[in-house]
Amino acid sequence: MSQRIEDAINRLLINSKGEIKSRIAEVVSHVNLTDTSTICHCYCLKVDANNNLRLNDLIDFIDEKILEYAIPKKEIDEAREYLAQTNSTAKIVRLRKKAEGLFTDLEKTG
């Protein structure tokens, strides 16, 4: 896994108010793989009241957080400052579009 993806997942787990914990459950944590420096943390999707996996809910949650992971904090801070000064969300909307543009659907990867 690339460091960028690992960092994004860590931010989902650590730098939130715990919202993701309503969507995933820890199966096992801090498992050392023999003869490596790898430490595993395994999670599974939770189910809703109808016993359906909360996959779409997790996808929506990640989608709502995409700007925070794809755009440098400095640009986000500038957009927040602009919002505070002007009450305009224009720069935030622009950053959202920029974040979405960083991702693409590919039939083949690699």
N, C-alpha and C. Protein backbone atom coordinates (compact mmCIF):
# COMPACT_ATOMS: atom_id res chain seq x y z
N MET A 1 0.86 -1.17 0.00
CA MET A 1 0.00 0.00 0.00
C MET A 1 0.90 1.23 0.00
N SER A 2 0.55 2.21 -0.80
CA SER A 2 1.37 3.41 -0.85
C SER A 2 1.24 4.18 0.46
N GLN A 3 2.27 4.94 0.76
CA GLN A 3 2.27 5.74 1.99
C GLN A 3 1.11 6.73 1.98
N ARG A 4 0.78 7.28 0.81
CA ARG A 4 -0.32 8.25 0.71
C ARG A 4 -1.65 7.62 1.12
N ILE A 5 -1.91 6.41 0.63
CA ILE A 5 -3.15 5.72 0.98
C ILE A 5 -3.16 5.38 2.46
N GLU A 6 -2.03 4.88 2.95
CA GLU A 6 -1.95 4.54 4.37
C GLU A 6 -2.19 5.77 5.24
N ASP A 7 -1.61 6.91 4.86
CA ASP A 7 -1.82 8.14 5.63
C ASP A 7 -3.28 8.56 5.60
N ALA A 8 -3.94 8.43 4.44
CA ALA A 8 -5.35 8.80 4.34
C ALA A 8 -6.21 7.93 5.22
N ILE A 9 -5.94 6.64 5.24
CA ILE A 9 -6.70 5.73 6.10
C ILE A 9 -6.47 6.07 7.56
N ASN A 10 -5.23 6.34 7.92
CA ASN A 10 -4.94 6.71 9.30
C ASN A 10 -5.68 7.97 9.71
N ARG A 11 -5.77 8.95 8.80
CA ARG A 11 -6.50 10.17 9.14
C ARG A 11 -7.99 9.89 9.32
N LEU A 12 -8.53 8.98 8.52
CA LEU A 12 -9.93 8.60 8.69
C LEU A 12 -10.15 8.01 10.07
N LEU A 13 -9.21 7.22 10.53
CA LEU A 13 -9.35 6.53 11.81
C LEU A 13 -9.00 7.42 12.99
N ILE A 14 -8.02 8.30 12.83
CA ILE A 14 -7.47 9.02 13.97
C ILE A 14 -7.96 10.46 14.07
N ASN A 15 -7.97 11.20 12.97
CA ASN A 15 -8.23 12.62 13.03
C ASN A 15 -9.70 12.99 12.87
N SER A 16 -10.57 12.08 13.12
CA SER A 16 -11.99 12.39 13.05
C SER A 16 -12.56 12.35 14.46
N LYS A 17 -13.82 12.61 14.56
CA LYS A 17 -14.48 12.54 15.87
C LYS A 17 -15.02 11.15 16.12
N GLY A 18 -14.48 10.18 15.41
CA GLY A 18 -14.91 8.80 15.60
C GLY A 18 -16.08 8.40 14.73
N GLU A 19 -16.45 9.25 13.76
CA GLU A 19 -17.60 8.94 12.91
C GLU A 19 -17.43 7.62 12.17
N ILE A 20 -16.21 7.32 11.78
CA ILE A 20 -15.98 6.10 11.01
C ILE A 20 -16.24 4.85 11.84
N LYS A 21 -16.14 4.97 13.15
CA LYS A 21 -16.33 3.80 14.01
C LYS A 21 -17.77 3.30 14.00
N SER A 22 -18.70 4.12 13.52
CA SER A 22 -20.08 3.65 13.39
C SER A 22 -20.25 2.83 12.10
N ARG A 23 -19.23 2.84 11.26
CA ARG A 23 -19.31 2.15 9.97
C ARG A 23 -18.42 0.91 9.89
N ILE A 24 -17.33 0.90 10.67
CA ILE A 24 -16.43 -0.25 10.66
C ILE A 24 -16.17 -0.71 12.09
N ALA A 25 -15.81 -1.98 12.21
CA ALA A 25 -15.50 -2.56 13.52
C ALA A 25 -14.11 -3.17 13.47
N GLU A 26 -13.35 -2.98 14.52
CA GLU A 26 -12.02 -3.56 14.59
C GLU A 26 -12.13 -5.06 14.83
N VAL A 27 -11.42 -5.83 14.02
CA VAL A 27 -11.38 -7.28 14.18
C VAL A 27 -10.17 -7.64 15.02
N VAL A 28 -9.03 -7.10 14.63
CA VAL A 28 -7.79 -7.35 15.36
C VAL A 28 -6.86 -6.16 15.13
N SER A 29 -6.01 -5.88 16.11
CA SER A 29 -5.14 -4.72 16.02
C SER A 29 -3.73 -5.07 16.48
N HIS A 30 -2.76 -4.39 15.92
CA HIS A 30 -1.35 -4.52 16.31
C HIS A 30 -0.84 -5.95 16.21
N VAL A 31 -1.10 -6.59 15.08
CA VAL A 31 -0.61 -7.95 14.85
C VAL A 31 0.69 -7.85 14.06
N ASN A 32 1.76 -8.36 14.63
CA ASN A 32 3.06 -8.35 13.96
C ASN A 32 3.17 -9.55 13.03
N LEU A 33 3.60 -9.29 11.80
CA LEU A 33 3.83 -10.38 10.85
C LEU A 33 5.26 -10.87 11.02
N THR A 34 5.40 -12.16 11.19
CA THR A 34 6.69 -12.78 11.43
C THR A 34 7.68 -12.42 10.33
N ASP A 35 8.90 -12.13 10.73
CA ASP A 35 10.01 -11.83 9.82
C ASP A 35 9.80 -10.57 8.98
N THR A 36 8.94 -9.68 9.43
CA THR A 36 8.74 -8.40 8.74
C THR A 36 8.62 -7.31 9.79
N SER A 37 8.63 -6.08 9.33
CA SER A 37 8.38 -4.96 10.25
C SER A 37 6.93 -4.49 10.12
N THR A 38 6.11 -5.32 9.52
CA THR A 38 4.71 -4.98 9.27
C THR A 38 3.85 -5.22 10.51
N ILE A 39 2.97 -4.26 10.77
CA ILE A 39 1.98 -4.39 11.84
C ILE A 39 0.61 -4.27 11.19
N CYS A 40 -0.24 -5.26 11.41
CA CYS A 40 -1.57 -5.30 10.78
C CYS A 40 -2.66 -4.81 11.73
N HIS A 41 -3.62 -4.13 11.14
CA HIS A 41 -4.84 -3.72 11.82
C HIS A 41 -5.97 -4.11 10.88
N CYS A 42 -6.87 -4.95 11.32
CA CYS A 42 -7.95 -5.44 10.45
C CYS A 42 -9.31 -4.94 10.93
N TYR A 43 -10.11 -4.51 9.97
CA TYR A 43 -11.45 -3.99 10.25
C TYR A 43 -12.45 -4.67 9.33
N CYS A 44 -13.70 -4.66 9.73
CA CYS A 44 -14.77 -5.16 8.86
C CYS A 44 -15.90 -4.15 8.88
N LEU A 45 -16.74 -4.24 7.86
CA LEU A 45 -17.91 -3.36 7.80
C LEU A 45 -18.93 -3.77 8.85
N LYS A 46 -19.57 -2.78 9.44
CA LYS A 46 -20.69 -3.06 10.34
C LYS A 46 -21.95 -3.25 9.49
N VAL A 47 -22.99 -3.74 10.12
CA VAL A 47 -24.28 -3.91 9.45
C VAL A 47 -25.29 -2.95 10.05
N ASP A 48 -26.32 -2.64 9.26
CA ASP A 48 -27.38 -1.77 9.76
C ASP A 48 -28.44 -2.61 10.48
N ALA A 49 -29.54 -1.97 10.85
CA ALA A 49 -30.61 -2.65 11.60
C ALA A 49 -31.26 -3.78 10.80
N ASN A 50 -31.14 -3.72 9.47
CA ASN A 50 -31.70 -4.77 8.61
C ASN A 50 -30.66 -5.83 8.24
N ASN A 51 -29.53 -5.79 8.92
CA ASN A 51 -28.44 -6.74 8.70
C ASN A 51 -27.77 -6.59 7.33
N ASN A 52 -27.84 -5.39 6.76
CA ASN A 52 -27.16 -5.09 5.50
C ASN A 52 -25.82 -4.43 5.80
N LEU A 53 -24.79 -4.80 5.04
CA LEU A 53 -23.49 -4.15 5.22
C LEU A 53 -23.61 -2.66 4.96
N ARG A 54 -22.89 -1.87 5.72
CA ARG A 54 -22.95 -0.41 5.60
C ARG A 54 -21.93 0.11 4.59
N LEU A 55 -21.77 -0.57 3.48
CA LEU A 55 -20.79 -0.18 2.47
C LEU A 55 -21.10 1.18 1.87
N ASN A 56 -22.33 1.39 1.44
CA ASN A 56 -22.68 2.69 0.84
C ASN A 56 -22.50 3.82 1.84
N ASP A 57 -22.81 3.57 3.09
CA ASP A 57 -22.61 4.57 4.13
C ASP A 57 -21.12 4.90 4.27
N LEU A 58 -20.26 3.88 4.22
CA LEU A 58 -18.82 4.10 4.30
C LEU A 58 -18.33 4.88 3.08
N ILE A 59 -18.81 4.53 1.90
CA ILE A 59 -18.43 5.25 0.68
C ILE A 59 -18.85 6.71 0.77
N ASP A 60 -20.06 6.98 1.24
CA ASP A 60 -20.52 8.36 1.40
C ASP A 60 -19.65 9.12 2.39
N PHE A 61 -19.28 8.46 3.49
CA PHE A 61 -18.44 9.09 4.50
C PHE A 61 -17.08 9.48 3.91
N ILE A 62 -16.47 8.55 3.18
CA ILE A 62 -15.17 8.83 2.57
C ILE A 62 -15.31 9.94 1.54
N ASP A 63 -16.39 9.92 0.76
CA ASP A 63 -16.63 10.96 -0.23
C ASP A 63 -16.72 12.33 0.42
N GLU A 64 -17.37 12.41 1.58
CA GLU A 64 -17.49 13.68 2.29
C GLU A 64 -16.15 14.18 2.81
N LYS A 65 -15.21 13.27 3.01
CA LYS A 65 -13.90 13.62 3.56
C LYS A 65 -12.83 13.81 2.49
N ILE A 66 -13.17 13.60 1.23
CA ILE A 66 -12.16 13.56 0.17
C ILE A 66 -11.32 14.83 0.10
N LEU A 67 -11.93 15.97 0.28
CA LEU A 67 -11.20 17.23 0.18
C LEU A 67 -10.08 17.28 1.21
N GLU A 68 -10.34 16.79 2.41
CA GLU A 68 -9.34 16.84 3.48
C GLU A 68 -8.11 15.99 3.16
N TYR A 69 -8.27 14.96 2.35
CA TYR A 69 -7.16 14.05 2.06
C TYR A 69 -6.46 14.36 0.75
N ALA A 70 -7.15 15.04 -0.16
CA ALA A 70 -6.58 15.26 -1.48
C ALA A 70 -5.97 16.65 -1.66
N ILE A 71 -6.35 17.58 -0.80
CA ILE A 71 -5.92 18.97 -0.95
C ILE A 71 -5.00 19.34 0.21
N PRO A 72 -3.91 20.04 -0.07
CA PRO A 72 -3.01 20.47 1.01
C PRO A 72 -3.73 21.36 2.03
N LYS A 73 -3.36 21.18 3.29
CA LYS A 73 -4.00 21.92 4.38
C LYS A 73 -3.91 23.43 4.16
N LYS A 74 -2.82 23.91 3.61
CA LYS A 74 -2.65 25.35 3.37
C LYS A 74 -3.77 25.88 2.48
N GLU A 75 -4.10 25.15 1.43
CA GLU A 75 -5.17 25.58 0.53
C GLU A 75 -6.53 25.55 1.22
N ILE A 76 -6.75 24.55 2.05
CA ILE A 76 -8.01 24.46 2.80
C ILE A 76 -8.11 25.62 3.77
N ASP A 77 -7.01 25.93 4.46
CA ASP A 77 -7.01 27.05 5.40
C ASP A 77 -7.30 28.37 4.69
N GLU A 78 -6.73 28.55 3.49
CA GLU A 78 -6.98 29.77 2.72
C GLU A 78 -8.46 29.87 2.34
N ALA A 79 -9.06 28.74 1.96
CA ALA A 79 -10.48 28.73 1.59
C ALA A 79 -11.35 29.03 2.81
N ARG A 80 -10.97 28.49 3.96
CA ARG A 80 -11.72 28.78 5.20
C ARG A 80 -11.62 30.26 5.55
N GLU A 81 -10.43 30.83 5.39
CA GLU A 81 -10.24 32.25 5.69
C GLU A 81 -11.09 33.10 4.75
N TYR A 82 -11.12 32.73 3.47
CA TYR A 82 -11.94 33.44 2.50
C TYR A 82 -13.41 33.36 2.88
N LEU A 83 -13.85 32.18 3.32
CA LEU A 83 -15.24 32.01 3.77
C LEU A 83 -15.53 32.91 4.96
N ALA A 84 -14.62 32.95 5.92
CA ALA A 84 -14.82 33.78 7.12
C ALA A 84 -14.89 35.26 6.77
N GLN A 85 -14.10 35.68 5.79
CA GLN A 85 -14.05 37.10 5.43
C GLN A 85 -15.20 37.52 4.52
N THR A 86 -15.67 36.61 3.68
CA THR A 86 -16.64 37.00 2.65
C THR A 86 -17.99 36.29 2.74
N ASN A 87 -18.08 35.27 3.59
CA ASN A 87 -19.27 34.41 3.66
C ASN A 87 -19.56 33.72 2.33
N SER A 88 -18.54 33.59 1.49
CA SER A 88 -18.68 32.91 0.21
C SER A 88 -17.97 31.56 0.26
N THR A 89 -18.66 30.53 -0.19
CA THR A 89 -18.06 29.18 -0.23
C THR A 89 -17.37 28.89 -1.56
N ALA A 90 -17.22 29.91 -2.39
CA ALA A 90 -16.68 29.71 -3.74
C ALA A 90 -15.34 28.97 -3.74
N LYS A 91 -14.43 29.35 -2.87
CA LYS A 91 -13.11 28.70 -2.86
C LYS A 91 -13.20 27.27 -2.34
N ILE A 92 -14.11 27.01 -1.44
CA ILE A 92 -14.29 25.64 -0.94
C ILE A 92 -14.86 24.76 -2.05
N VAL A 93 -15.83 25.28 -2.79
CA VAL A 93 -16.40 24.54 -3.91
C VAL A 93 -15.32 24.27 -4.96
N ARG A 94 -14.47 25.26 -5.21
CA ARG A 94 -13.39 25.09 -6.18
C ARG A 94 -12.42 23.99 -5.72
N LEU A 95 -12.12 23.96 -4.42
CA LEU A 95 -11.23 22.91 -3.90
C LEU A 95 -11.88 21.54 -4.01
N ARG A 96 -13.17 21.46 -3.79
CA ARG A 96 -13.89 20.18 -3.93
C ARG A 96 -13.76 19.66 -5.36
N LYS A 97 -13.97 20.55 -6.33
CA LYS A 97 -13.85 20.15 -7.73
C LYS A 97 -12.41 19.73 -8.05
N LYS A 98 -11.45 20.44 -7.48
CA LYS A 98 -10.05 20.08 -7.68
C LYS A 98 -9.77 18.69 -7.11
N ALA A 99 -10.28 18.42 -5.92
CA ALA A 99 -10.08 17.12 -5.28
C ALA A 99 -10.69 16.01 -6.13
N GLU A 100 -11.90 16.22 -6.61
CA GLU A 100 -12.56 15.21 -7.45
C GLU A 100 -11.77 14.96 -8.73
N GLY A 101 -11.15 16.01 -9.27
CA GLY A 101 -10.39 15.88 -10.50
C GLY A 101 -9.10 15.08 -10.34
N LEU A 102 -8.68 14.87 -9.11
CA LEU A 102 -7.46 14.10 -8.86
C LEU A 102 -7.70 12.60 -8.97
N PHE A 103 -8.96 12.20 -9.05
CA PHE A 103 -9.31 10.79 -9.11
C PHE A 103 -9.94 10.49 -10.46
N THR A 104 -9.78 9.26 -10.92
CA THR A 104 -10.33 8.87 -12.21
C THR A 104 -10.79 7.42 -12.14
N ASP A 105 -11.75 7.08 -12.97
CA ASP A 105 -12.17 5.68 -13.11
C ASP A 105 -11.33 5.05 -14.21
N LEU A 106 -10.65 3.99 -13.87
CA LEU A 106 -9.84 3.29 -14.85
C LEU A 106 -10.30 1.84 -14.95
N GLU A 107 -10.43 1.35 -16.18
CA GLU A 107 -10.78 -0.06 -16.33
C GLU A 107 -9.61 -0.93 -15.93
N LYS A 108 -8.42 -0.47 -16.24
CA LYS A 108 -7.22 -1.22 -15.89
C LYS A 108 -6.30 -0.29 -15.11
N THR A 109 -5.78 -0.77 -14.02
CA THR A 109 -4.80 0.00 -13.27
C THR A 109 -3.52 -0.80 -13.21
N GLY A 110 -2.43 -0.15 -13.44
CA GLY A 110 -1.15 -0.83 -13.34
C GLY A 110 -0.65 -1.21 -14.66
